[in-house]
């Protein structure tokens, strides 16, 4: 009885992944990506309060820390979806008979191709008409990434059934371009999602201002801090180093030589944010929101 010849192993995806991985392996590339996502997060967080992020002089660690807020959900969803697809594939492959598996694979190939086209068109529509999917940040990029991956997956399933595996360098090039396009889609998705998360954090901060620790600003001269809920007091004590006191403020963040503060009654309609340079003429004090502060210098 003649033995059935073994099917050639399709190692094009692994070769393409090694080629593509060699481009992203350097730490500087990954750090630059994290820095970019953190910048998007900081940009839209500060924009919510009408402040340009660049005036705060945020440091590189500030941006890297903020990048995790915009990447946590996309990476979790991607990893969970990938594991679910892999487990589903392996379970069906082992549970179904060879004949049933071949029938299922033949039917799945056109479905995957059609779904890939739909997802790709949906993602590109978000590029052509950005407002179309504005309420769903990250969806256009995810659609592009998933859509381009479904095409070679469908081809791989078709080849596994028909036994016709493409040889040579073409499959490697195809998978390399697939990884590139999928990475661009994921980059687009995380970029949009980071911006949306930064804006959402700004809104959350606004709603919690009343319950945040109070910041008291002391100054050697009247620096004209005004706003809803802010109380300015002129100090009469002759031995006081600081002549003016301002209550009703919240410190949002401090970076470099700048302090970003908001009045406790800040709102998007007529609220004004404050950016104070660090100086020996200005002193900040902090207290819990329920603390009873003595209004004196």
Protein backbone atom coordinates (compact mmCIF):
# COMPACT_ATOMS: atom_id res chain seq x y z
CA UNK A 1 0.00 0.00 0.00
CA UNK A 2 1.49 3.31 -1.10
CA UNK A 3 1.93 5.89 1.64
CA UNK A 4 0.21 9.23 1.18
CA UNK A 5 2.82 11.95 0.56
CA UNK A 6 3.02 14.57 3.27
CA UNK A 7 1.67 17.98 2.41
CA UNK A 8 4.25 20.71 2.14
CA UNK A 9 4.36 22.88 5.20
CA UNK A 10 3.29 26.46 4.62
CA UNK A 11 5.92 28.44 6.50
CA UNK A 12 5.38 31.72 4.61
CA UNK A 13 3.53 33.40 7.53
CA UNK A 14 6.33 32.61 9.99
CA UNK A 15 9.01 33.83 7.56
CA UNK A 16 7.07 37.03 6.88
CA UNK A 17 6.54 37.56 10.60
CA UNK A 18 10.28 37.25 11.21
CA UNK A 19 10.97 39.79 8.47
CA UNK A 20 8.36 42.19 9.80
CA UNK A 21 9.40 41.62 13.42
CA UNK A 22 12.97 42.55 12.60
CA UNK A 23 11.72 46.01 11.64
CA UNK A 24 9.91 46.57 14.94
CA UNK A 25 12.37 44.79 17.20
CA UNK A 26 14.52 47.81 18.06
CA UNK A 27 13.50 49.30 21.40
CA UNK A 28 13.64 52.80 19.92
CA UNK A 29 10.82 51.97 17.50
CA UNK A 30 8.53 50.65 20.23
CA UNK A 31 9.39 53.57 22.51
CA UNK A 32 8.58 56.01 19.71
CA UNK A 33 5.17 54.35 19.22
CA UNK A 34 4.39 54.54 22.94
CA UNK A 35 5.54 58.15 23.00
CA UNK A 36 3.24 58.98 20.08
CA UNK A 37 0.19 57.32 21.65
CA UNK A 38 0.90 59.12 24.93
CA UNK A 39 1.12 62.42 23.07
CA UNK A 40 -2.29 61.83 21.51
CA UNK A 41 -3.73 61.06 24.94
CA UNK A 42 -2.20 64.20 26.50
CA UNK A 43 -3.25 66.37 23.55
CA UNK A 44 -6.93 65.58 23.84
CA UNK A 45 -6.92 65.52 27.65
CA UNK A 46 -5.54 69.05 27.77
CA UNK A 47 -7.69 70.14 24.83
CA UNK A 48 -10.80 69.35 26.89
CA UNK A 49 -9.78 72.19 29.23
CA UNK A 50 -8.67 74.52 26.44
CA UNK A 51 -4.96 74.10 27.17
CA UNK A 52 -2.34 73.24 24.56
CA UNK A 53 -0.36 70.28 25.88
CA UNK A 54 2.99 71.69 24.76
CA UNK A 55 2.92 74.57 27.29
CA UNK A 56 3.05 72.07 30.17
CA UNK A 57 6.44 70.69 29.21
CA UNK A 58 5.47 67.07 29.86
CA UNK A 59 8.40 64.70 30.14
CA UNK A 60 8.98 61.50 28.18
CA UNK A 61 7.92 59.32 31.18
CA UNK A 62 4.66 61.32 31.34
CA UNK A 63 3.86 60.43 27.74
CA UNK A 64 4.90 56.78 28.16
CA UNK A 65 2.67 56.38 31.22
CA UNK A 66 -0.29 57.96 29.43
CA UNK A 67 0.18 55.65 26.45
CA UNK A 68 -0.83 52.66 28.58
CA UNK A 69 -4.26 54.20 29.17
CA UNK A 70 -4.95 54.27 25.44
CA UNK A 71 -3.45 50.85 24.66
CA UNK A 72 -4.86 48.68 27.45
CA UNK A 73 -8.29 48.04 25.94
CA UNK A 74 -7.19 47.61 22.27
CA UNK A 75 -4.44 45.15 23.19
CA UNK A 76 -6.75 43.21 25.53
CA UNK A 77 -9.47 42.94 22.88
CA UNK A 78 -6.94 41.96 20.19
CA UNK A 79 -5.35 39.27 22.34
CA UNK A 80 -8.73 37.88 23.46
CA UNK A 81 -10.09 37.80 19.91
CA UNK A 82 -6.92 36.15 18.61
CA UNK A 83 -7.00 33.46 21.29
CA UNK A 84 -10.72 32.83 20.71
CA UNK A 85 -10.14 32.41 16.97
CA UNK A 86 -7.16 30.09 17.54
CA UNK A 87 -8.98 27.94 20.11
CA UNK A 88 -12.06 27.76 17.88
CA UNK A 89 -9.96 26.66 14.91
CA UNK A 90 -8.12 23.97 16.85
CA UNK A 91 -11.28 22.70 18.51
CA UNK A 92 -13.19 22.37 15.24
CA UNK A 93 -10.20 20.79 13.49
CA UNK A 94 -9.93 18.10 16.17
CA UNK A 95 -13.66 17.59 16.81
CA UNK A 96 -14.90 17.29 13.23
CA UNK A 97 -14.29 14.40 10.92
CA UNK A 98 -11.89 15.02 7.97
CA UNK A 99 -14.77 15.02 5.50
CA UNK A 100 -16.87 17.45 7.56
CA UNK A 101 -13.82 19.68 8.08
CA UNK A 102 -13.18 19.84 4.32
CA UNK A 103 -16.82 20.76 3.63
CA UNK A 104 -16.76 23.42 6.34
CA UNK A 105 -13.48 24.84 5.03
CA UNK A 106 -14.77 25.07 1.45
CA UNK A 107 -17.83 26.99 2.64
CA UNK A 108 -15.78 29.21 4.95
CA UNK A 109 -13.42 30.44 2.23
CA UNK A 110 -15.94 32.59 0.26
CA UNK A 111 -17.45 33.81 3.54
CA UNK A 112 -14.04 35.00 4.76
CA UNK A 113 -13.32 36.72 1.44
CA UNK A 114 -16.69 38.49 1.45
CA UNK A 115 -16.28 39.49 5.11
CA UNK A 116 -12.78 40.79 4.35
CA UNK A 117 -14.12 43.03 1.59
CA UNK A 118 -16.92 44.35 3.84
CA UNK A 119 -14.54 45.13 6.70
CA UNK A 120 -12.01 46.74 4.39
CA UNK A 121 -14.65 48.96 2.78
CA UNK A 122 -16.04 49.90 6.19
CA UNK A 123 -12.58 50.85 7.44
CA UNK A 124 -11.75 52.88 4.32
CA UNK A 125 -15.09 54.68 4.61
CA UNK A 126 -13.87 55.96 7.98
CA UNK A 127 -10.86 57.39 6.15
CA UNK A 128 -12.94 58.97 3.37
CA UNK A 129 -15.66 60.28 5.70
CA UNK A 130 -14.07 60.65 9.19
CA UNK A 131 -17.34 61.76 10.81
CA UNK A 132 -19.13 58.56 9.73
CA UNK A 133 -17.64 56.42 12.51
CA UNK A 134 -16.53 59.19 14.87
CA UNK A 135 -18.68 57.79 17.68
CA UNK A 136 -16.79 54.47 17.47
CA UNK A 137 -13.11 55.40 17.92
CA UNK A 138 -10.69 52.77 16.70
CA UNK A 139 -13.27 50.83 14.66
CA UNK A 140 -12.06 51.92 11.17
CA UNK A 141 -8.49 50.87 11.90
CA UNK A 142 -9.59 47.54 13.37
CA UNK A 143 -11.74 46.87 10.30
CA UNK A 144 -8.80 47.53 7.98
CA UNK A 145 -6.45 45.33 10.01
CA UNK A 146 -8.91 42.46 10.26
CA UNK A 147 -10.06 42.79 6.65
CA UNK A 148 -6.60 42.47 5.11
CA UNK A 149 -5.77 39.47 7.32
CA UNK A 150 -8.86 37.52 6.26
CA UNK A 151 -7.73 37.32 2.61
CA UNK A 152 -4.51 35.31 3.15
CA UNK A 153 -6.27 33.26 5.84
CA UNK A 154 -8.92 32.31 3.28
CA UNK A 155 -6.21 31.46 0.77
CA UNK A 156 -4.42 29.32 3.35
CA UNK A 157 -7.61 27.38 4.13
CA UNK A 158 -8.28 26.87 0.44
CA UNK A 159 -4.74 25.59 -0.08
CA UNK A 160 -5.06 23.19 2.86
CA UNK A 161 -8.12 21.60 1.24
CA UNK A 162 -6.96 21.60 -2.37
CA UNK A 163 -3.39 20.66 -1.55
CA UNK A 164 -2.03 23.41 -3.80
CA UNK A 165 0.46 25.45 -1.82
CA UNK A 166 2.23 28.33 -3.52
CA UNK A 167 6.00 28.08 -3.32
CA UNK A 168 8.82 30.55 -3.62
CA UNK A 169 9.16 34.08 -2.35
CA UNK A 170 5.69 35.30 -3.40
CA UNK A 171 3.83 33.98 -0.32
CA UNK A 172 6.43 35.53 1.99
CA UNK A 173 6.06 38.90 0.27
CA UNK A 174 2.28 38.60 0.43
CA UNK A 175 2.27 37.89 4.16
CA UNK A 176 4.82 40.66 4.77
CA UNK A 177 2.57 43.21 3.09
CA UNK A 178 -0.38 41.78 5.03
CA UNK A 179 1.42 42.32 8.33
CA UNK A 180 2.36 45.85 7.26
CA UNK A 181 -1.22 46.78 6.35
CA UNK A 182 -2.60 45.11 9.48
CA UNK A 183 -0.10 47.02 11.63
CA UNK A 184 -1.09 50.28 9.94
CA UNK A 185 -4.73 49.52 10.72
CA UNK A 186 -3.92 48.74 14.35
CA UNK A 187 -1.78 51.87 14.60
CA UNK A 188 -4.73 53.88 13.27
CA UNK A 189 -7.08 52.20 15.75
CA UNK A 190 -4.87 52.81 18.79
CA UNK A 191 -4.24 56.41 17.69
CA UNK A 192 -7.97 57.16 17.49
CA UNK A 193 -8.70 55.29 20.70
CA UNK A 194 -5.92 57.07 22.62
CA UNK A 195 -7.34 60.44 21.58
CA UNK A 196 -10.85 59.37 22.62
CA UNK A 197 -9.62 58.08 25.98
CA UNK A 198 -7.74 61.34 26.62
CA UNK A 199 -10.91 63.31 25.94
CA UNK A 200 -12.95 60.96 28.13
CA UNK A 201 -10.46 61.36 30.98
CA UNK A 202 -10.87 65.12 30.66
CA UNK A 203 -14.63 64.80 31.03
CA UNK A 204 -14.23 62.47 34.03
CA UNK A 205 -11.86 64.94 35.64
CA UNK A 206 -14.37 67.74 35.14
CA UNK A 207 -17.17 65.78 36.83
CA UNK A 208 -14.95 64.95 39.83
CA UNK A 209 -13.47 68.40 40.45
CA UNK A 210 -15.71 69.05 43.46
CA UNK A 211 -14.44 65.94 45.27
CA UNK A 212 -10.75 66.42 44.54
CA UNK A 213 -8.14 67.67 47.04
CA UNK A 214 -8.11 71.44 47.20
CA UNK A 215 -5.09 73.44 46.15
CA UNK A 216 -4.42 76.79 47.82
CA UNK A 217 -2.18 79.24 45.95
CA UNK A 218 -0.18 81.81 47.89
CA UNK A 219 1.50 84.64 46.01
CA UNK A 220 3.66 87.63 46.86
CA UNK A 221 1.54 89.77 44.49
CA UNK A 222 -1.95 89.75 43.04
CA UNK A 223 -1.79 87.38 40.07
CA UNK A 224 -5.48 87.85 39.25
CA UNK A 225 -6.76 84.28 39.65
CA UNK A 226 -10.50 84.34 39.08
CA UNK A 227 -13.07 81.68 38.32
CA UNK A 228 -16.20 79.91 39.55
CA UNK A 229 -15.66 78.82 43.13
CA UNK A 230 -12.34 80.67 43.53
CA UNK A 231 -11.94 82.96 46.54
CA UNK A 232 -9.19 85.60 46.56
CA UNK A 233 -8.02 86.94 49.92
CA UNK A 234 -5.67 89.86 50.52
CA UNK A 235 -3.51 89.13 53.55
CA UNK A 236 -3.25 91.94 56.11
CA UNK A 237 -0.56 90.43 58.32
CA UNK A 238 2.58 92.53 58.02
CA UNK A 239 4.92 89.62 58.71
CA UNK A 240 3.47 87.40 55.96
CA UNK A 241 5.78 86.62 53.05
CA UNK A 242 2.80 86.05 50.77
CA UNK A 243 0.30 88.85 50.36
CA UNK A 244 -2.48 87.06 48.44
CA UNK A 245 -4.27 83.74 48.88
CA UNK A 246 -6.49 81.92 46.38
CA UNK A 247 -8.82 79.09 47.45
CA UNK A 248 -11.10 76.84 45.43
CA UNK A 249 -8.55 75.43 43.00
CA UNK A 250 -7.53 71.90 41.97
CA UNK A 251 -4.10 70.89 40.70
CA UNK A 252 -4.55 68.80 37.56
CA UNK A 253 -0.88 68.05 36.98
CA UNK A 254 2.56 69.52 37.39
CA UNK A 255 5.38 68.91 34.98
CA UNK A 256 8.63 70.69 34.42
CA UNK A 257 8.23 74.23 35.67
CA UNK A 258 4.47 74.50 35.09
CA UNK A 259 1.45 73.86 37.31
CA UNK A 260 -1.88 73.20 35.60
CA UNK A 261 -4.82 74.21 37.84
CA UNK A 262 -8.59 74.44 37.49
CA UNK A 263 -11.24 76.21 39.56
CA UNK A 264 -13.47 73.72 41.38
CA UNK A 265 -16.46 75.13 39.51
CA UNK A 266 -14.83 74.83 36.09
CA UNK A 267 -17.11 74.03 33.14
CA UNK A 268 -16.68 73.83 29.37
CA UNK A 269 -19.03 76.77 28.75
CA UNK A 270 -17.07 79.60 30.39
CA UNK A 271 -14.33 77.92 32.42
CA UNK A 272 -10.73 79.15 32.28
CA UNK A 273 -7.74 76.94 33.05
CA UNK A 274 -4.64 78.25 34.80
CA UNK A 275 -1.01 77.47 34.06
CA UNK A 276 1.35 78.90 36.68
CA UNK A 277 5.13 78.86 36.28
CA UNK A 278 7.04 77.46 39.23
CA UNK A 279 8.51 80.38 41.16
CA UNK A 280 9.63 81.32 44.65
CA UNK A 281 6.93 84.02 44.53
CA UNK A 282 4.19 81.35 44.40
CA UNK A 283 3.53 78.59 46.92
CA UNK A 284 1.02 75.73 46.69
CA UNK A 285 -0.73 74.04 49.61
CA UNK A 286 -2.91 70.96 49.41
CA UNK A 287 -5.73 69.70 51.59
CA UNK A 288 -8.40 67.01 51.51
CA UNK A 289 -11.77 68.24 50.20
CA UNK A 290 -13.46 67.79 53.59
CA UNK A 291 -10.73 69.68 55.48
CA UNK A 292 -11.76 72.95 57.16
CA UNK A 293 -9.12 75.41 56.05
CA UNK A 294 -8.35 78.57 57.95
CA UNK A 295 -8.60 81.43 55.44
CA UNK A 296 -5.46 83.21 56.49
CA UNK A 297 -1.94 83.72 55.27
